[in-house]
N, C-alpha and C. Protein backbone atom coordinates (compact mmCIF):
# COMPACT_ATOMS: atom_id res chain seq x y z
N MET A 1 0.35 -1.24 -0.07
CA MET A 1 0.28 -0.03 -0.31
C MET A 1 0.82 1.46 0.03
N ARG A 2 1.88 1.56 0.73
CA ARG A 2 3.17 2.58 0.89
C ARG A 2 3.61 2.99 -0.79
N ASN A 3 4.25 1.53 -1.71
CA ASN A 3 3.75 3.09 -3.11
C ASN A 3 3.38 2.70 -3.38
N ALA A 4 2.16 2.20 -3.05
CA ALA A 4 0.65 2.64 -4.69
C ALA A 4 0.58 3.87 -4.65
N GLY A 5 -0.06 4.12 -6.28
CA GLY A 5 -0.50 5.48 -6.52
C GLY A 5 -1.44 6.04 -5.85
N LEU A 6 -2.35 5.24 -6.11
CA LEU A 6 -4.08 5.20 -5.92
C LEU A 6 -4.33 3.56 -5.92
N TYR A 7 -5.76 4.15 -5.66
CA TYR A 7 -6.38 2.07 -5.09
C TYR A 7 -7.52 2.57 -6.09
N VAL A 8 -7.85 1.90 -6.31
CA VAL A 8 -9.06 0.64 -6.18
C VAL A 8 -9.70 0.33 -5.87
N PHE A 9 -10.65 0.26 -5.79
CA PHE A 9 -11.94 -0.04 -4.90
C PHE A 9 -13.27 -1.13 -5.94
N ALA A 10 -13.39 -2.33 -6.13
CA ALA A 10 -14.56 -2.81 -7.06
C ALA A 10 -15.30 -3.50 -6.51
N CYS A 11 -15.12 -3.56 -4.99
CA CYS A 11 -16.48 -4.73 -3.85
C CYS A 11 -17.76 -3.47 -4.42
N GLU A 12 -18.65 -4.43 -4.42
CA GLU A 12 -20.36 -4.29 -4.52
C GLU A 12 -20.56 -4.21 -3.52
N VAL A 13 -20.07 -5.41 -2.41
CA VAL A 13 -21.50 -6.09 -1.61
C VAL A 13 -20.27 -6.38 -0.42
N GLY A 14 -20.72 -5.49 0.91
CA GLY A 14 -20.21 -5.96 2.31
C GLY A 14 -20.68 -4.57 2.95
N GLY A 15 -21.52 -4.26 3.08
CA GLY A 15 -20.70 -2.27 3.87
C GLY A 15 -20.05 -1.44 3.66
N VAL A 16 -19.43 -1.50 4.46
CA VAL A 16 -18.33 -0.57 4.45
C VAL A 16 -17.61 -1.40 4.45
N HIS A 17 -15.96 -0.70 4.07
CA HIS A 17 -15.09 -2.26 3.34
C HIS A 17 -13.77 -2.02 4.42
N PRO A 18 -13.72 -2.37 5.55
CA PRO A 18 -11.66 -2.12 6.28
C PRO A 18 -11.03 -1.44 5.59
N ALA A 19 -10.93 -2.21 3.91
CA ALA A 19 -9.68 -2.11 2.99
C ALA A 19 -10.09 -0.80 2.21
N LEU A 20 -11.59 -0.07 2.00
CA LEU A 20 -11.39 0.94 1.49
C LEU A 20 -11.25 2.23 2.46
N ILE A 21 -11.44 2.18 3.32
CA ILE A 21 -10.93 2.48 4.88
C ILE A 21 -9.07 3.28 5.48
N GLU A 22 -9.05 1.75 4.79
CA GLU A 22 -7.04 0.99 4.83
C GLU A 22 -6.28 2.02 4.04
N ALA A 23 -6.96 2.29 2.79
CA ALA A 23 -6.39 2.76 1.70
C ALA A 23 -7.11 4.30 2.27
N MET A 24 -7.85 4.76 2.20
CA MET A 24 -7.50 5.82 2.74
C MET A 24 -6.59 6.95 3.62
N ALA A 25 -6.92 5.51 5.40
CA ALA A 25 -5.94 6.72 5.82
C ALA A 25 -4.68 6.41 6.04
N ALA A 26 -4.36 4.90 4.87
CA ALA A 26 -2.73 5.47 4.15
C ALA A 26 -2.28 7.20 3.06
N GLN A 27 -3.51 7.47 2.55
CA GLN A 27 -3.63 8.39 1.93
C GLN A 27 -3.78 8.64 0.79
N LYS A 28 -4.02 7.00 0.53
CA LYS A 28 -4.61 7.02 -0.90
C LYS A 28 -5.16 7.91 -1.85
N PRO A 29 -5.56 8.36 -3.17
CA PRO A 29 -6.17 9.05 -3.69
C PRO A 29 -7.01 6.97 -4.01
N VAL A 30 -8.53 7.05 -3.67
CA VAL A 30 -9.12 5.64 -4.02
C VAL A 30 -10.25 6.27 -5.52
N LEU A 31 -10.49 5.10 -5.59
CA LEU A 31 -11.56 5.45 -7.02
C LEU A 31 -12.93 4.14 -5.95
N TYR A 32 -12.95 3.98 -5.63
CA TYR A 32 -14.09 3.92 -5.64
C TYR A 32 -16.39 3.59 -6.94
N LEU A 33 -16.49 1.74 -7.06
CA LEU A 33 -17.36 0.83 -7.70
C LEU A 33 -18.60 2.51 -6.57
N ASP A 34 -19.53 2.77 -7.64
CA ASP A 34 -20.45 2.94 -6.63
C ASP A 34 -21.74 2.30 -6.25
N THR A 35 -21.31 2.58 -5.03
CA THR A 35 -22.60 2.14 -4.51
C THR A 35 -23.06 2.69 -2.96
N PRO A 36 -23.74 2.30 -3.09
CA PRO A 36 -24.03 3.75 -1.35
C PRO A 36 -23.04 3.58 -0.49
N GLU A 37 -22.92 1.97 -0.19
CA GLU A 37 -22.00 2.02 0.86
C GLU A 37 -20.96 2.30 0.35
N ASN A 38 -20.27 2.64 -1.16
CA ASN A 38 -18.79 2.93 -1.10
C ASN A 38 -18.81 4.27 -1.52
N ARG A 39 -20.03 5.42 -1.53
CA ARG A 39 -19.94 6.54 -1.79
C ARG A 39 -20.34 7.45 -0.04
N GLU A 40 -20.62 5.94 0.78
CA GLU A 40 -20.75 6.74 1.96
C GLU A 40 -19.48 7.37 3.18
N THR A 41 -19.28 5.85 2.47
CA THR A 41 -17.27 5.26 2.86
C THR A 41 -16.63 6.93 2.27
N ALA A 42 -16.25 6.92 0.96
CA ALA A 42 -15.65 7.37 0.67
C ALA A 42 -15.34 9.49 0.23
N ALA A 43 -17.27 9.00 0.21
CA ALA A 43 -17.76 11.14 -0.12
C ALA A 43 -17.16 11.62 -1.60
N ASP A 44 -16.18 12.81 -1.75
CA ASP A 44 -15.51 13.66 -2.30
C ASP A 44 -14.13 13.35 -2.21
N ALA A 45 -13.66 12.61 -0.77
CA ALA A 45 -12.57 12.00 -0.85
C ALA A 45 -12.11 10.57 -1.98
N GLY A 46 -12.88 10.81 -2.67
CA GLY A 46 -12.25 9.73 -3.81
C GLY A 46 -13.48 9.66 -5.28
N ILE A 47 -12.76 9.74 -6.23
CA ILE A 47 -13.53 8.58 -6.90
C ILE A 47 -14.50 7.73 -7.29
N ASP A 48 -15.98 7.67 -7.85
CA ASP A 48 -16.57 6.77 -8.26
C ASP A 48 -16.78 6.59 -9.88
N PHE A 49 -16.89 5.15 -10.06
CA PHE A 49 -17.38 4.40 -11.58
C PHE A 49 -18.08 3.82 -11.07
N ARG A 50 -18.61 3.92 -12.41
CA ARG A 50 -20.00 2.60 -12.77
C ARG A 50 -18.80 0.77 -12.72
N ALA A 51 -19.73 0.60 -13.60
CA ALA A 51 -19.35 -0.69 -13.38
C ALA A 51 -19.16 -1.20 -14.75
N ASP A 52 -18.56 -0.94 -15.02
CA ASP A 52 -17.85 -1.06 -16.97
C ASP A 52 -16.67 -0.87 -16.65
N ARG A 53 -16.04 -1.28 -17.26
CA ARG A 53 -14.18 -1.09 -17.91
C ARG A 53 -14.00 0.73 -18.39
N ALA A 54 -14.84 0.74 -19.85
CA ALA A 54 -14.34 2.76 -20.06
C ALA A 54 -14.63 2.87 -19.17
N ASP A 55 -15.73 2.84 -17.58
CA ASP A 55 -15.53 4.13 -16.29
C ASP A 55 -14.52 4.37 -15.78
N LEU A 56 -14.60 2.84 -15.42
CA LEU A 56 -12.94 2.61 -14.27
C LEU A 56 -11.89 2.94 -15.06
N ALA A 57 -11.23 2.70 -16.36
CA ALA A 57 -10.40 3.23 -17.26
C ALA A 57 -10.24 5.15 -17.39
N ALA A 58 -11.94 5.17 -17.45
CA ALA A 58 -11.73 6.76 -17.51
C ALA A 58 -10.97 8.13 -15.89
N ALA A 59 -11.75 7.18 -14.86
CA ALA A 59 -11.08 7.73 -13.69
C ALA A 59 -9.73 7.49 -13.36
N ILE A 60 -8.68 6.40 -13.66
CA ILE A 60 -8.40 6.24 -13.83
C ILE A 60 -7.01 6.56 -14.26
N THR A 61 -7.00 7.20 -15.85
CA THR A 61 -6.52 7.96 -16.74
C THR A 61 -6.58 9.08 -16.37
N ARG A 62 -7.90 9.79 -16.39
CA ARG A 62 -7.81 10.94 -14.84
C ARG A 62 -7.12 11.12 -13.91
N LEU A 63 -7.09 10.18 -13.35
CA LEU A 63 -5.78 10.26 -11.25
C LEU A 63 -4.63 10.20 -12.38
N LEU A 64 -4.06 9.87 -13.19
CA LEU A 64 -3.13 9.29 -13.66
C LEU A 64 -2.27 10.46 -14.42
N ARG A 65 -2.86 10.86 -15.16
CA ARG A 65 -2.39 12.76 -15.76
C ARG A 65 -2.54 14.39 -14.57
N ASP A 66 -3.65 13.77 -13.75
CA ASP A 66 -3.59 15.27 -12.27
C ASP A 66 -3.17 14.54 -11.12
N ALA A 67 -1.35 15.38 -11.12
CA ALA A 67 -0.57 14.83 -10.27
C ALA A 67 -1.36 15.46 -8.69
N SER A 68 -1.54 16.97 -8.77
CA SER A 68 -2.60 17.37 -7.81
C SER A 68 -3.93 17.22 -7.41
N LEU A 69 -4.50 16.89 -8.02
CA LEU A 69 -6.13 16.02 -7.93
C LEU A 69 -5.11 14.46 -7.11
N ARG A 70 -4.32 14.51 -7.66
CA ARG A 70 -3.66 12.94 -5.99
C ARG A 70 -3.64 13.14 -5.53
N GLN A 71 -3.20 13.91 -5.30
CA GLN A 71 -2.33 14.97 -3.72
C GLN A 71 -3.55 14.99 -3.39
N GLU A 72 -4.53 16.07 -3.48
CA GLU A 72 -5.68 17.05 -3.25
C GLU A 72 -6.60 15.22 -2.34
N LEU A 73 -7.01 14.76 -3.05
CA LEU A 73 -7.87 13.80 -2.65
C LEU A 73 -7.03 12.67 -1.98
N GLY A 74 -5.49 12.41 -2.04
CA GLY A 74 -5.14 11.52 -1.18
C GLY A 74 -5.14 12.10 0.93
N ARG A 75 -4.74 13.77 0.43
CA ARG A 75 -4.97 13.99 1.42
C ARG A 75 -6.69 14.60 1.88
N LYS A 76 -7.81 14.11 1.54
CA LYS A 76 -9.00 14.24 1.94
C LYS A 76 -9.49 13.57 2.74
N ALA A 77 -8.96 12.23 1.67
CA ALA A 77 -9.29 10.54 2.48
C ALA A 77 -8.17 10.21 3.58
N GLY A 78 -7.19 10.63 4.03
CA GLY A 78 -6.42 11.07 4.95
C GLY A 78 -7.40 11.52 6.38
N GLU A 79 -7.76 12.54 5.82
CA GLU A 79 -8.24 13.11 6.69
C GLU A 79 -9.30 12.93 6.97
N ARG A 80 -10.89 12.07 5.98
CA ARG A 80 -12.07 11.41 5.96
C ARG A 80 -12.16 10.81 7.13
N ALA A 81 -10.67 9.55 7.63
CA ALA A 81 -10.33 8.10 7.47
C ALA A 81 -10.00 9.11 8.89
N ALA A 82 -9.56 9.85 8.85
CA ALA A 82 -9.09 8.87 10.59
C ALA A 82 -10.32 10.46 11.45
N ARG A 83 -11.00 10.94 11.12
CA ARG A 83 -12.36 12.12 11.43
C ARG A 83 -13.36 10.70 11.50
N ILE A 84 -14.14 9.66 10.35
CA ILE A 84 -14.84 9.21 10.51
C ILE A 84 -15.12 7.81 11.41
N PHE A 85 -13.07 7.52 10.42
CA PHE A 85 -13.71 5.69 11.73
C PHE A 85 -12.09 6.00 12.01
N GLY A 86 -11.10 6.89 12.57
CA GLY A 86 -10.94 6.35 13.68
C GLY A 86 -11.34 6.12 14.94
N TRP A 87 -9.77 5.53 15.93
CA TRP A 87 -10.41 5.37 16.79
C TRP A 87 -10.87 5.88 18.26
N GLU A 88 -11.02 7.22 18.35
CA GLU A 88 -11.64 8.38 19.16
C GLU A 88 -12.66 8.15 18.17
N GLU A 89 -13.01 8.55 17.02
CA GLU A 89 -14.52 9.20 16.80
C GLU A 89 -15.29 7.39 17.48
N THR A 90 -14.83 6.46 16.93
CA THR A 90 -15.56 5.29 17.38
C THR A 90 -15.82 4.82 18.31
N THR A 91 -14.47 5.06 18.78
CA THR A 91 -15.00 4.84 21.16
C THR A 91 -16.00 5.65 21.50
N GLN A 92 -16.09 6.62 20.74
CA GLN A 92 -17.23 7.52 21.33
C GLN A 92 -18.53 7.20 20.35
N LYS A 93 -18.72 6.66 19.87
CA LYS A 93 -20.34 5.93 19.19
C LYS A 93 -20.56 4.93 19.67
N TYR A 94 -19.82 3.67 20.02
CA TYR A 94 -19.58 2.29 20.82
C TYR A 94 -20.01 3.54 22.28
N GLU A 95 -19.45 4.50 23.55
CA GLU A 95 -19.57 4.99 24.26
C GLU A 95 -20.86 5.49 24.85
N SER A 96 -21.51 6.19 23.51
CA SER A 96 -22.92 6.51 23.08
C SER A 96 -24.07 5.69 22.75
N LEU A 97 -24.29 4.39 21.95
CA LEU A 97 -23.75 3.00 22.43
C LEU A 97 -24.82 2.73 23.25
N PHE A 98 -23.86 2.52 24.48
CA PHE A 98 -23.80 1.62 25.33
C PHE A 98 -24.50 2.12 26.60
N SER A 99 -23.93 3.56 26.23
CA SER A 99 -25.01 4.66 27.41
C SER A 99 -26.43 4.28 26.98
N GLU A 100 -27.05 4.74 25.94
CA GLU A 100 -27.85 4.33 25.42
C GLU A 100 -28.83 3.51 25.91
N LEU A 101 -28.23 2.33 25.14
CA LEU A 101 -28.90 1.08 26.00
C LEU A 101 -28.83 0.42 27.49
N LEU A 102 -27.78 0.73 28.21
CA LEU A 102 -27.88 0.38 29.61
C LEU A 102 -28.65 2.15 29.99
N GLY A 103 -28.89 3.27 30.00
CA GLY A 103 -29.29 4.11 30.57
C GLY A 103 -28.96 5.31 31.19
N GLN A 104 -29.28 5.78 32.33
CA GLN A 104 -28.23 5.83 34.04
C GLN A 104 -28.27 5.16 34.81
N ASN A 105 -29.47 3.46 35.04
CA ASN A 105 -28.98 3.68 36.32
C ASN A 105 -27.91 1.89 36.17
N GLY A 106 -27.83 1.52 34.82
CA GLY A 106 -26.82 0.38 34.63
C GLY A 106 -27.86 -0.42 33.83
N LYS A 107 -29.17 -0.31 34.19
CA LYS A 107 -30.54 -2.06 32.84
C LYS A 107 -30.22 -1.21 32.13
N PRO A 108 -30.75 -2.68 30.94
CA PRO A 108 -31.47 -1.94 29.81
C PRO A 108 -32.38 -0.87 29.17
N THR A 109 -32.58 0.06 28.81
CA THR A 109 -33.77 0.90 28.36
C THR A 109 -34.49 0.31 27.45
N ARG A 110 -34.17 -0.65 26.92
CA ARG A 110 -34.67 -0.87 25.49
C ARG A 110 -35.15 -1.92 25.64
N ALA A 111 -35.24 -3.10 24.94
CA ALA A 111 -35.17 -4.52 24.82
C ALA A 111 -33.93 -5.22 23.77
N MET A 112 -33.07 -5.49 24.43
CA MET A 112 -32.24 -6.04 23.47
C MET A 112 -32.79 -8.32 23.71
N GLY A 113 -31.76 -8.15 22.56
CA GLY A 113 -31.71 -10.09 22.46
C GLY A 113 -32.69 -10.70 21.02
N ASN A 114 -33.99 -11.68 22.18
CA ASN A 114 -34.69 -12.16 21.44
C ASN A 114 -36.30 -11.00 22.28
N PRO A 115 -36.44 -11.36 21.35
CA PRO A 115 -38.04 -10.18 21.55
C PRO A 115 -38.99 -11.81 22.82
């Protein structure tokens, strides 16, 4: 990953994928298959492409020809990965969820598990 000039993520199943987040955290410009999950993960820190070879080739060519765009997207990707998926943010989200589930008195505030 360290020597990669860009990262192509063509997975269309599986929700938010750690490989895409890892590439972003490594400050690589990412090209991602246009799915709702990938758009939510990368947003404007990458370039989406449709599931056809011509669109992917055009996106790769665009990035290879534009060093400033590669640099900008890499920077945005790193910032987004840290802001959205960093340990501090993730920990805060889990702590909020656990607090909500346990409530003020340490007992569950809503049904959990099987009905």
